[in-house]
N, C-alpha and C. Protein backbone atom coordinates (compact mmCIF):
# COMPACT_ATOMS: atom_id res chain seq x y z
N MET A 1 158.79 114.02 127.73
CA MET A 1 159.89 114.10 126.44
C MET A 1 158.08 113.24 125.10
N ASN A 2 158.89 113.91 124.46
CA ASN A 2 157.64 113.95 123.33
C ASN A 2 158.22 113.33 122.52
N ILE A 3 157.38 111.43 121.57
CA ILE A 3 158.10 110.73 120.89
C ILE A 3 157.16 110.46 119.43
N MET A 4 158.04 110.92 118.88
CA MET A 4 157.03 110.44 117.54
C MET A 4 157.95 108.77 116.71
N SER A 5 157.08 107.61 116.25
CA SER A 5 157.46 106.67 115.20
C SER A 5 157.20 107.20 114.07
N ILE A 6 157.32 106.31 113.97
CA ILE A 6 157.53 106.40 112.23
C ILE A 6 157.52 104.56 111.53
N ASP A 7 156.66 103.05 111.05
CA ASP A 7 157.03 102.54 111.19
C ASP A 7 156.74 102.30 109.55
N THR A 8 157.67 102.04 108.36
CA THR A 8 157.34 101.76 107.20
C THR A 8 157.24 100.60 106.84
N SER A 9 158.19 99.78 107.91
CA SER A 9 158.55 97.90 107.07
C SER A 9 157.89 97.41 106.27
N GLY A 10 155.92 97.28 106.50
CA GLY A 10 155.07 96.66 105.80
C GLY A 10 153.93 97.38 105.04
N HIS A 11 153.26 96.25 104.46
CA HIS A 11 152.60 96.75 103.81
C HIS A 11 151.27 98.20 104.72
N ILE A 12 151.26 98.07 105.28
CA ILE A 12 150.65 99.52 106.41
C ILE A 12 151.57 100.77 106.62
N CYS A 13 151.48 101.96 105.96
CA CYS A 13 152.81 103.21 106.86
C CYS A 13 151.88 103.16 107.45
N SER A 14 152.70 103.19 108.75
CA SER A 14 151.59 104.11 110.70
C SER A 14 152.95 105.36 111.22
N VAL A 15 151.99 106.21 111.79
CA VAL A 15 153.10 106.70 112.79
C VAL A 15 151.63 107.55 113.54
N ALA A 16 152.96 107.59 114.63
CA ALA A 16 152.43 107.59 116.35
C ALA A 16 153.24 108.86 117.30
N ILE A 17 152.61 109.36 117.99
CA ILE A 17 153.23 110.57 119.11
C ILE A 17 152.53 109.71 120.24
N LEU A 18 153.41 109.61 120.77
CA LEU A 18 153.66 109.58 122.93
C LEU A 18 154.00 110.82 123.71
N ASP A 19 152.68 111.36 124.05
CA ASP A 19 154.09 112.48 124.95
C ASP A 19 153.82 112.05 125.93
N GLU A 20 154.54 113.77 126.55
CA GLU A 20 154.96 113.07 128.25
C GLU A 20 153.89 112.86 128.77
N LYS A 21 152.82 113.50 128.60
CA LYS A 21 151.89 112.91 129.61
C LYS A 21 151.08 111.42 128.94
N ASN A 22 151.89 110.77 128.43
CA ASN A 22 151.70 108.91 127.93
C ASN A 22 150.20 109.09 127.23
N ASN A 23 149.82 110.07 126.53
CA ASN A 23 149.09 110.47 125.40
C ASN A 23 149.48 109.72 124.48
N ILE A 24 148.85 108.77 123.14
CA ILE A 24 149.06 108.01 122.86
C ILE A 24 148.48 108.44 121.02
N PHE A 25 148.74 109.11 120.25
CA PHE A 25 148.28 109.16 118.95
C PHE A 25 148.28 108.29 117.88
N TYR A 26 147.60 108.25 117.12
CA TYR A 26 147.51 106.64 115.52
C TYR A 26 147.22 107.14 114.58
N LYS A 27 148.67 106.88 113.36
CA LYS A 27 147.61 107.76 111.98
C LYS A 27 148.11 105.89 111.19
N GLU A 28 147.47 105.44 110.82
CA GLU A 28 147.48 105.09 109.62
C GLU A 28 147.71 105.08 107.95
N ASN A 29 147.75 103.67 107.21
CA ASN A 29 146.98 104.48 105.55
C ASN A 29 148.25 103.26 105.50
N SER A 30 147.11 102.44 104.15
CA SER A 30 147.48 101.48 103.92
C SER A 30 147.76 101.05 102.32
N SER A 31 147.95 101.90 101.69
CA SER A 31 147.50 102.08 99.87
C SER A 31 149.32 101.62 100.12
N HIS A 32 149.18 100.33 99.12
CA HIS A 32 151.03 99.57 98.71
C HIS A 32 151.65 100.62 98.17
N ASN A 33 152.56 100.19 98.98
CA ASN A 33 153.89 101.38 97.99
C ASN A 33 153.48 102.66 97.61
N GLN A 34 152.62 103.47 98.93
CA GLN A 34 152.89 104.50 98.67
C GLN A 34 153.23 105.12 99.80
N HIS A 35 154.55 104.26 100.54
CA HIS A 35 154.51 104.82 101.88
C HIS A 35 155.37 106.35 101.93
N THR A 36 156.11 106.82 100.89
CA THR A 36 157.09 108.14 100.56
C THR A 36 156.07 109.33 101.00
N LYS A 37 154.95 108.88 99.71
CA LYS A 37 154.50 110.32 99.14
C LYS A 37 153.10 109.98 100.96
N ASP A 38 152.78 108.39 101.18
CA ASP A 38 151.56 109.21 102.51
C ASP A 38 152.14 109.51 103.92
N LEU A 39 153.88 108.83 104.04
CA LEU A 39 154.05 109.91 105.42
C LEU A 39 154.04 110.70 105.75
N PHE A 40 154.33 111.82 105.39
CA PHE A 40 154.76 113.33 105.54
C PHE A 40 152.93 113.35 105.11
N LEU A 41 152.31 113.21 104.83
CA LEU A 41 150.50 113.29 105.59
C LEU A 41 149.83 112.48 106.74
N LEU A 42 151.04 112.07 107.05
CA LEU A 42 150.12 110.97 107.40
C LEU A 42 150.67 111.70 109.18
N ILE A 43 151.97 112.51 108.93
CA ILE A 43 152.90 112.96 110.32
C ILE A 43 151.95 114.43 110.56
N HIS A 44 151.69 115.12 109.13
CA HIS A 44 151.28 116.73 109.14
C HIS A 44 149.80 116.41 109.94
N SER A 45 149.24 115.74 109.21
CA SER A 45 148.04 114.96 110.32
C SER A 45 148.07 114.60 111.56
N ILE A 46 148.91 113.93 112.54
CA ILE A 46 149.11 113.43 113.67
C ILE A 46 149.65 115.03 114.31
N PHE A 47 150.07 115.63 113.88
CA PHE A 47 150.60 116.83 115.01
C PHE A 47 148.99 118.06 114.56
N ASP A 48 148.64 118.06 113.75
CA ASP A 48 147.17 118.69 113.79
C ASP A 48 146.14 118.07 114.33
N GLU A 49 146.42 116.66 115.06
CA GLU A 49 145.26 115.89 116.03
C GLU A 49 146.32 115.94 117.85
N SER A 50 147.91 114.96 117.55
CA SER A 50 148.35 115.66 118.83
C SER A 50 148.79 117.38 119.60
N GLN A 51 148.65 118.63 118.97
CA GLN A 51 149.38 120.22 118.78
C GLN A 51 150.26 119.19 119.32
N ASN A 52 151.09 118.92 118.33
CA ASN A 52 152.64 118.74 118.48
C ASN A 52 153.21 119.32 116.84
N SER A 53 154.16 119.61 116.84
CA SER A 53 155.06 119.76 116.12
C SER A 53 156.59 119.77 115.92
N TYR A 54 157.51 119.56 114.76
CA TYR A 54 158.84 118.90 114.96
C TYR A 54 159.30 119.70 116.51
N ASN A 55 159.03 120.72 116.53
CA ASN A 55 159.70 121.91 117.73
C ASN A 55 159.56 121.03 118.92
N SER A 56 157.88 120.56 119.03
CA SER A 56 157.93 119.76 120.87
C SER A 56 158.29 118.31 120.73
N ILE A 57 159.03 117.66 119.59
CA ILE A 57 159.37 116.86 119.53
C ILE A 57 160.78 116.14 119.89
N THR A 58 161.64 115.29 120.71
CA THR A 58 162.37 114.86 121.98
C THR A 58 163.04 113.90 120.95
N ASP A 59 162.83 112.70 120.20
CA ASP A 59 162.93 111.91 119.89
C ASP A 59 162.25 110.61 118.65
N ILE A 60 162.53 110.49 117.70
CA ILE A 60 161.95 109.46 116.82
C ILE A 60 163.02 108.14 117.10
N ALA A 61 161.20 107.53 116.58
CA ALA A 61 162.15 106.05 116.49
C ALA A 61 161.33 105.24 115.28
N VAL A 62 162.44 105.10 114.58
CA VAL A 62 162.23 104.60 113.02
C VAL A 62 162.48 103.04 112.92
N VAL A 63 161.98 102.48 112.44
CA VAL A 63 162.10 100.78 112.68
C VAL A 63 162.20 100.52 111.35
N ILE A 64 163.58 99.88 111.45
CA ILE A 64 164.31 99.55 110.74
C ILE A 64 164.44 98.14 110.16
N GLY A 65 163.13 97.29 110.00
CA GLY A 65 163.40 95.76 109.86
C GLY A 65 163.08 95.04 110.73
N PRO A 66 163.33 93.62 110.44
CA PRO A 66 163.38 93.27 109.28
C PRO A 66 161.49 93.63 108.55
N GLY A 67 161.78 93.55 107.38
CA GLY A 67 160.44 94.16 106.18
C GLY A 67 161.42 94.59 105.18
N SER A 68 160.17 95.69 104.09
CA SER A 68 160.11 95.41 102.88
C SER A 68 161.33 96.60 102.87
N PHE A 69 162.32 96.27 101.76
CA PHE A 69 163.34 97.21 100.91
C PHE A 69 162.65 98.21 100.45
N THR A 70 161.99 98.58 99.65
CA THR A 70 161.31 99.77 99.01
C THR A 70 161.00 100.47 101.25
N GLY A 71 159.77 100.15 101.79
CA GLY A 71 158.81 100.60 102.58
C GLY A 71 160.32 100.63 103.88
N ILE A 72 161.19 100.32 104.18
CA ILE A 72 162.13 100.34 104.91
C ILE A 72 162.60 101.50 104.67
N ARG A 73 163.95 101.99 102.95
CA ARG A 73 164.54 103.14 102.97
C ARG A 73 163.91 104.62 102.82
N ALA A 74 161.80 104.34 102.86
CA ALA A 74 161.17 105.31 103.13
C ALA A 74 161.08 106.39 104.66
N GLY A 75 160.95 105.05 105.70
CA GLY A 75 161.26 105.50 106.86
C GLY A 75 162.82 106.17 107.30
N ILE A 76 163.30 105.60 107.08
CA ILE A 76 165.21 106.00 107.40
C ILE A 76 165.28 106.89 106.81
N ALA A 77 164.78 107.37 105.73
CA ALA A 77 165.32 108.40 104.94
C ALA A 77 164.70 108.96 105.15
N ALA A 78 163.08 109.53 105.82
CA ALA A 78 162.50 110.80 106.02
C ALA A 78 162.94 110.76 107.72
N ALA A 79 162.93 109.82 108.52
CA ALA A 79 163.15 110.18 109.56
C ALA A 79 164.84 111.53 109.21
N GLN A 80 165.47 110.69 108.94
CA GLN A 80 167.54 110.81 108.77
C GLN A 80 166.85 112.27 108.11
N GLY A 81 166.18 112.81 106.86
CA GLY A 81 165.99 113.93 106.55
C GLY A 81 165.48 115.31 107.54
N ILE A 82 164.19 114.66 108.93
CA ILE A 82 164.19 115.59 110.13
C ILE A 82 165.22 115.76 111.07
N GLN A 83 165.48 114.44 110.70
CA GLN A 83 166.63 114.61 112.29
C GLN A 83 168.07 115.99 111.32
N LEU A 84 168.02 115.77 110.00
CA LEU A 84 169.04 116.63 109.74
C LEU A 84 168.76 118.12 109.72
N THR A 85 167.34 118.69 109.30
CA THR A 85 166.98 120.17 109.73
C THR A 85 166.14 120.18 111.29
N THR A 86 166.41 119.14 111.94
CA THR A 86 166.19 119.07 113.54
C THR A 86 166.90 119.09 114.20
N ASN A 87 167.54 118.65 114.00
CA ASN A 87 168.45 117.87 115.43
C ASN A 87 168.13 117.13 116.45
N ILE A 88 166.60 116.46 116.11
CA ILE A 88 165.48 115.42 117.22
C ILE A 88 166.46 114.51 117.13
N THR A 89 166.59 112.87 117.59
CA THR A 89 167.21 112.28 118.44
C THR A 89 166.70 111.41 117.61
N VAL A 90 167.30 110.61 116.90
CA VAL A 90 166.92 109.18 115.95
C VAL A 90 167.20 107.68 116.35
N HIS A 91 165.97 106.58 116.20
CA HIS A 91 166.94 105.97 117.39
C HIS A 91 165.93 104.47 116.51
N GLY A 92 166.82 103.86 116.00
CA GLY A 92 165.90 102.20 114.95
C GLY A 92 165.56 101.32 116.15
N ILE A 93 164.31 101.19 115.43
CA ILE A 93 163.43 99.97 116.51
C ILE A 93 163.14 98.96 115.18
N SER A 94 163.68 97.54 115.86
CA SER A 94 163.64 96.49 114.93
C SER A 94 161.78 96.04 115.19
N THR A 95 161.94 94.90 114.16
CA THR A 95 160.48 94.43 114.09
C THR A 95 160.87 93.37 115.41
N LEU A 96 161.87 92.94 115.44
CA LEU A 96 162.10 91.78 116.15
C LEU A 96 161.43 91.89 117.66
N GLU A 97 162.36 92.84 118.12
CA GLU A 97 162.39 93.56 119.72
C GLU A 97 160.55 93.99 119.35
N MET A 98 160.41 94.75 118.38
CA MET A 98 158.73 95.01 118.81
C MET A 98 157.55 94.04 119.01
N GLN A 99 158.79 92.92 118.40
CA GLN A 99 157.23 91.57 118.20
C GLN A 99 157.93 90.94 119.99
N ALA A 100 158.70 91.11 120.48
CA ALA A 100 159.43 91.40 121.61
C ALA A 100 158.70 91.83 122.89
N TYR A 101 158.39 93.13 122.94
CA TYR A 101 157.38 93.56 123.81
C TYR A 101 156.27 93.49 123.73
N SER A 102 155.98 93.25 122.51
CA SER A 102 154.17 93.29 122.58
C SER A 102 153.41 91.72 123.13
N ILE A 103 154.53 90.89 123.39
CA ILE A 103 154.44 89.82 123.87
C ILE A 103 154.56 89.72 125.29
N ARG A 104 156.04 90.77 125.32
CA ARG A 104 156.54 90.70 126.86
C ARG A 104 154.51 92.32 127.74
N GLN A 105 154.00 92.92 127.06
CA GLN A 105 152.87 93.48 127.22
C GLN A 105 151.77 92.35 127.52
N TYR A 106 152.11 92.02 127.20
CA TYR A 106 150.52 90.64 126.56
C TYR A 106 150.51 89.58 128.11
N ILE A 107 152.22 88.88 128.68
CA ILE A 107 152.12 88.54 129.01
C ILE A 107 152.27 88.74 130.45
N GLU A 108 151.94 88.32 131.90
CA GLU A 108 151.90 89.10 132.99
C GLU A 108 153.44 87.95 133.55
N ASN A 109 154.36 89.32 134.51
CA ASN A 109 154.91 88.49 134.95
C ASN A 109 156.02 86.85 134.23
N ILE A 110 156.56 87.60 132.87
CA ILE A 110 157.03 86.40 132.15
C ILE A 110 158.93 86.03 132.48
N ASN A 111 158.83 84.60 132.97
CA ASN A 111 160.12 84.49 133.14
C ASN A 111 161.40 84.27 132.12
N ASN A 112 160.60 83.10 131.33
CA ASN A 112 161.47 82.79 130.51
C ASN A 112 161.65 83.69 129.29
N PRO A 113 162.64 83.06 128.82
CA PRO A 113 163.36 84.35 127.33
C PRO A 113 162.59 84.33 126.52
N ILE A 114 162.46 84.96 125.45
CA ILE A 114 160.99 85.52 124.37
C ILE A 114 161.73 85.74 123.13
N LYS A 115 162.32 84.27 122.61
CA LYS A 115 161.92 84.32 121.30
C LYS A 115 161.15 85.11 120.13
N SER A 116 161.62 86.28 119.39
CA SER A 116 160.80 86.97 117.94
C SER A 116 161.49 86.01 116.87
N VAL A 117 160.18 85.83 116.16
CA VAL A 117 160.04 85.12 114.21
C VAL A 117 159.33 85.53 114.05
N ILE A 118 159.59 86.16 113.01
CA ILE A 118 159.75 87.02 111.96
C ILE A 118 159.89 86.75 110.04
N ASN A 119 158.07 86.28 109.81
CA ASN A 119 158.36 85.27 108.84
C ASN A 119 159.06 86.09 107.52
N THR A 120 159.51 85.67 106.46
CA THR A 120 159.55 86.40 105.51
C THR A 120 158.75 85.39 104.38
N HIS A 121 159.42 85.87 102.95
CA HIS A 121 158.76 85.67 101.67
C HIS A 121 159.86 83.70 100.94
N ASN A 122 160.56 83.73 101.68
CA ASN A 122 161.54 82.57 100.53
C ASN A 122 161.92 81.45 101.60
N ASN A 123 160.98 81.02 102.25
CA ASN A 123 160.85 80.00 103.64
C ASN A 123 161.24 80.07 104.66
N THR A 124 162.27 80.87 104.60
CA THR A 124 163.03 81.68 105.93
C THR A 124 162.51 82.74 107.17
N VAL A 125 163.42 82.29 108.58
CA VAL A 125 163.47 83.38 109.22
C VAL A 125 163.71 83.64 109.79
N PHE A 126 163.88 85.65 110.93
CA PHE A 126 164.54 85.69 110.82
C PHE A 126 163.97 86.09 113.11
N THR A 127 164.60 85.37 113.47
CA THR A 127 164.82 84.95 114.80
C THR A 127 165.99 85.65 115.65
N GLN A 128 165.52 85.76 117.08
CA GLN A 128 166.56 86.61 117.60
C GLN A 128 165.34 86.59 119.53
N VAL A 129 166.44 85.98 120.30
CA VAL A 129 166.11 85.61 121.47
C VAL A 129 166.48 87.05 122.93
N PHE A 130 165.44 87.48 123.55
CA PHE A 130 165.17 88.41 124.47
C PHE A 130 165.05 88.69 125.36
N SER A 131 165.53 89.07 126.28
CA SER A 131 165.01 88.64 128.36
C SER A 131 163.88 89.41 128.30
N SER A 132 163.08 89.34 129.41
CA SER A 132 161.53 89.35 129.33
C SER A 132 161.72 90.84 129.47
N ASN A 133 162.68 91.59 129.70
CA ASN A 133 162.46 93.37 130.06
C ASN A 133 163.79 93.95 127.79
N ILE A 134 163.47 92.63 127.68
CA ILE A 134 163.34 93.01 125.78
C ILE A 134 165.48 93.80 125.92
N LEU A 135 166.09 93.03 126.42
CA LEU A 135 167.19 92.71 126.27
C LEU A 135 167.73 91.50 125.71
N PRO A 136 168.60 92.35 124.77
CA PRO A 136 168.37 91.36 123.60
C PRO A 136 170.24 90.33 123.99
N LEU A 137 169.14 88.93 123.73
CA LEU A 137 170.28 87.54 124.55
C LEU A 137 170.73 86.84 123.85
N SER A 138 171.24 87.69 122.01
CA SER A 138 171.16 86.49 120.78
C SER A 138 171.23 87.01 120.20
N ASP A 139 172.23 87.45 118.80
CA ASP A 139 172.07 88.34 117.66
C ASP A 139 170.82 87.85 117.17
N ILE A 140 171.12 88.55 115.73
CA ILE A 140 169.41 88.13 114.72
C ILE A 140 170.01 87.05 113.95
N SER A 141 169.52 86.22 114.01
CA SER A 141 169.61 85.07 112.76
C SER A 141 168.56 84.36 111.72
N ILE A 142 168.86 84.04 110.65
CA ILE A 142 168.01 83.58 109.13
C ILE A 142 167.69 81.74 109.84
N VAL A 143 166.92 81.59 109.54
CA VAL A 143 166.80 80.25 110.03
C VAL A 143 165.91 79.69 108.90
N ASN A 144 166.09 78.33 108.04
CA ASN A 144 165.08 77.74 107.73
C ASN A 144 163.38 77.61 107.99
N HIS A 145 162.58 77.43 107.54
CA HIS A 145 161.27 77.70 107.90
C HIS A 145 161.33 76.19 108.84
N ASN A 146 161.46 75.49 108.54
CA ASN A 146 160.82 73.95 108.89
C ASN A 146 161.84 73.77 109.96
N SER A 147 162.71 74.62 110.45
CA SER A 147 164.06 74.17 111.56
C SER A 147 163.93 75.07 112.57
N ILE A 148 162.89 75.61 112.47
CA ILE A 148 162.50 77.01 113.76
C ILE A 148 162.31 75.66 115.24
N HIS A 149 162.33 76.52 116.27
CA HIS A 149 161.38 75.26 117.21
C HIS A 149 160.65 75.44 118.37
N TYR A 150 159.91 75.41 118.76
CA TYR A 150 158.95 76.46 119.33
C TYR A 150 158.97 75.09 121.04
N ASP A 151 159.36 75.44 122.06
CA ASP A 151 159.62 74.71 122.52
C ASP A 151 159.55 75.42 124.29
N ASP A 152 159.16 74.81 124.96
CA ASP A 152 158.46 75.55 126.66
C ASP A 152 159.67 76.13 126.79
N ASN A 153 161.12 76.30 126.76
CA ASN A 153 162.00 77.08 126.83
C ASN A 153 162.11 78.81 126.51
N TYR A 154 161.29 79.32 125.42
CA TYR A 154 160.76 80.29 125.15
C TYR A 154 159.79 80.88 125.07
N ILE A 155 159.44 82.07 125.53
CA ILE A 155 158.23 82.52 125.24
C ILE A 155 158.18 83.05 123.67
N THR A 156 157.45 82.77 122.53
CA THR A 156 156.68 82.92 121.08
C THR A 156 155.76 83.64 121.05
N TYR A 157 155.35 84.30 119.84
CA TYR A 157 154.30 84.98 119.49
C TYR A 157 152.83 83.77 119.62
N LYS A 158 153.14 82.21 119.13
CA LYS A 158 152.78 81.56 119.71
C LYS A 158 151.60 81.17 120.60
N ASN A 159 151.99 81.99 122.00
CA ASN A 159 151.48 81.96 123.26
C ASN A 159 150.55 82.71 123.51
N ILE A 160 150.26 84.08 122.44
CA ILE A 160 149.34 84.36 122.64
C ILE A 160 148.28 84.81 121.43
N PRO A 161 146.63 85.24 122.20
CA PRO A 161 146.38 84.88 120.46
C PRO A 161 146.18 85.83 119.43
N LYS A 162 146.85 87.38 119.40
CA LYS A 162 146.54 87.72 118.18
C LYS A 162 147.06 89.08 118.72
N PHE A 163 148.27 90.06 118.07
CA PHE A 163 149.00 90.56 117.69
C PHE A 163 149.39 91.72 117.19
N THR A 164 150.17 92.79 117.30
CA THR A 164 149.94 93.31 116.01
C THR A 164 150.60 94.45 116.31
N ILE A 165 151.91 94.98 115.83
CA ILE A 165 152.85 95.30 115.49
C ILE A 165 152.92 96.75 114.98
N ASN A 166 153.09 98.37 115.22
CA ASN A 166 152.88 99.24 114.28
C ASN A 166 153.99 100.39 114.90
N ALA A 167 153.51 101.55 114.68
CA ALA A 167 154.46 102.75 115.07
C ALA A 167 153.58 103.18 116.54
N LYS A 168 152.47 102.25 117.37
CA LYS A 168 152.21 102.88 118.33
C LYS A 168 153.49 102.15 118.96
N THR A 169 153.37 100.51 118.56
CA THR A 169 153.88 99.67 119.66
C THR A 169 156.03 100.09 119.30
N ALA A 170 156.15 100.81 117.76
CA ALA A 170 158.39 101.39 118.43
C ALA A 170 157.44 102.41 119.23
N ALA A 171 156.84 103.45 119.38
CA ALA A 171 157.29 104.34 120.26
C ALA A 171 156.65 103.62 121.99
N MET A 172 156.21 102.74 122.37
CA MET A 172 156.16 102.70 123.85
C MET A 172 157.63 102.07 124.30
N LEU A 173 157.87 100.64 122.96
CA LEU A 173 159.34 100.44 123.42
C LEU A 173 160.33 101.51 123.04
N LEU A 174 160.84 102.59 122.21
CA LEU A 174 161.74 103.17 122.73
C LEU A 174 161.32 103.72 124.46
N LEU A 175 160.11 104.29 124.48
CA LEU A 175 160.16 104.98 125.75
C LEU A 175 160.60 104.33 127.05
N HIS A 176 160.35 102.66 126.54
CA HIS A 176 160.87 101.54 127.70
C HIS A 176 162.17 101.55 127.54
N LYS A 177 163.15 101.29 126.39
CA LYS A 177 164.17 101.05 126.48
C LYS A 177 165.03 102.66 126.62
N ILE A 178 164.43 103.67 126.37
CA ILE A 178 165.05 104.80 127.38
C ILE A 178 165.15 104.41 128.82
N LYS A 179 163.71 104.12 129.35
CA LYS A 179 163.61 104.78 130.79
C LYS A 179 164.86 103.25 131.18
N ASN A 180 164.61 102.13 130.85
CA ASN A 180 165.55 100.57 131.16
C ASN A 180 166.95 100.95 130.81
N LYS A 181 167.69 101.91 130.08
CA LYS A 181 169.01 102.18 129.49
C LYS A 181 168.86 101.11 129.15
N LEU A 182 168.16 100.83 128.02
CA LEU A 182 168.60 99.61 127.38
C LEU A 182 169.17 99.49 125.88
N PRO A 183 169.72 98.49 125.25
CA PRO A 183 170.60 99.19 124.20
C PRO A 183 170.21 99.68 123.18
N GLN A 184 170.99 101.18 122.35
CA GLN A 184 169.91 101.41 121.26
C GLN A 184 170.27 100.84 119.98
N LEU A 185 169.67 100.79 119.13
CA LEU A 185 170.14 100.29 117.58
C LEU A 185 170.34 101.46 116.85
N SER A 186 171.02 101.45 116.22
CA SER A 186 171.75 102.49 114.59
C SER A 186 170.69 102.52 113.12
N LEU A 187 170.93 103.34 112.60
CA LEU A 187 169.47 103.03 111.51
C LEU A 187 170.30 102.34 110.05
N ASN A 188 171.12 100.73 110.61
CA ASN A 188 171.63 100.33 109.64
C ASN A 188 170.22 99.08 109.19
N PRO A 189 169.60 99.52 108.35
CA PRO A 189 168.05 99.02 107.26
C PRO A 189 168.72 97.67 107.68
N ILE A 190 167.54 96.48 108.02
CA ILE A 190 167.46 94.78 108.04
C ILE A 190 166.71 94.52 107.20
N TYR A 191 166.92 94.46 105.81
CA TYR A 191 166.00 94.22 104.81
C TYR A 191 165.47 92.68 104.57
N GLU A 192 164.35 91.97 103.87
CA GLU A 192 164.50 90.87 104.13
C GLU A 192 165.16 90.21 103.59
N ASN A 193 165.84 90.35 102.19
CA ASN A 193 166.91 89.71 101.88
C ASN A 193 168.13 89.93 102.55
N THR A 194 168.31 91.09 103.39
CA THR A 194 169.92 90.49 103.69
C THR A 194 170.22 89.20 104.41
N ASN A 195 171.72 89.65 104.36
CA ASN A 195 172.29 87.91 104.08
C ASN A 195 173.40 88.36 105.69
N PHE A 196 172.46 87.69 106.54
CA PHE A 196 172.83 87.26 108.05
C PHE A 196 173.45 85.68 107.76
N LYS A 197 173.95 85.30 109.34
CA LYS A 197 174.04 83.84 109.46
C LYS A 197 173.17 83.29 109.40
N LYS A 198 172.91 82.08 108.46
CA LYS A 198 172.40 81.21 108.86
C LYS A 198 172.05 80.13 109.27
N MET A 199 171.31 79.41 109.67
CA MET A 199 171.92 78.32 110.81
C MET A 199 170.69 77.11 110.29
């Protein structure tokens, strides 16, 4: 299995390839609002470095948000275009489950559920709860920033000093989900201004 992942949900546009030998290759570009232009340049560059091509890729992970409207549209459109011409299977990956997976990777022997929290620009946060194996235990919801609770019942990003989520995280997460037969997400985008149930 050779996985290519695409993350255009934030300011950084990134691409990764995780090959069948567990080698991981990564490229990023932080040019603001140029994800559509940068993405295929990064893909061609990472193909050269990893000695891969569309013919050798078995699965694509694309980050569907929560994140910026323009960025997410660029990533999903690119993944769908590649799928149409190559028949490679495309999987949606949320930034919420990426955060939970990063926390799981950092903390050994987690027993408590993991609560992912993604801040928006309008004083609200997206939140979702996962098991220690990254099985969703709740739906995605939006809460006011001041009403989010960090208690000992959940592990959150505040329990670790620093972490980064990007295309590399998405590739490793997709492999984890496939191996553990976890539910796969559709390519429905989750924009920062999406009208989820507010609590």
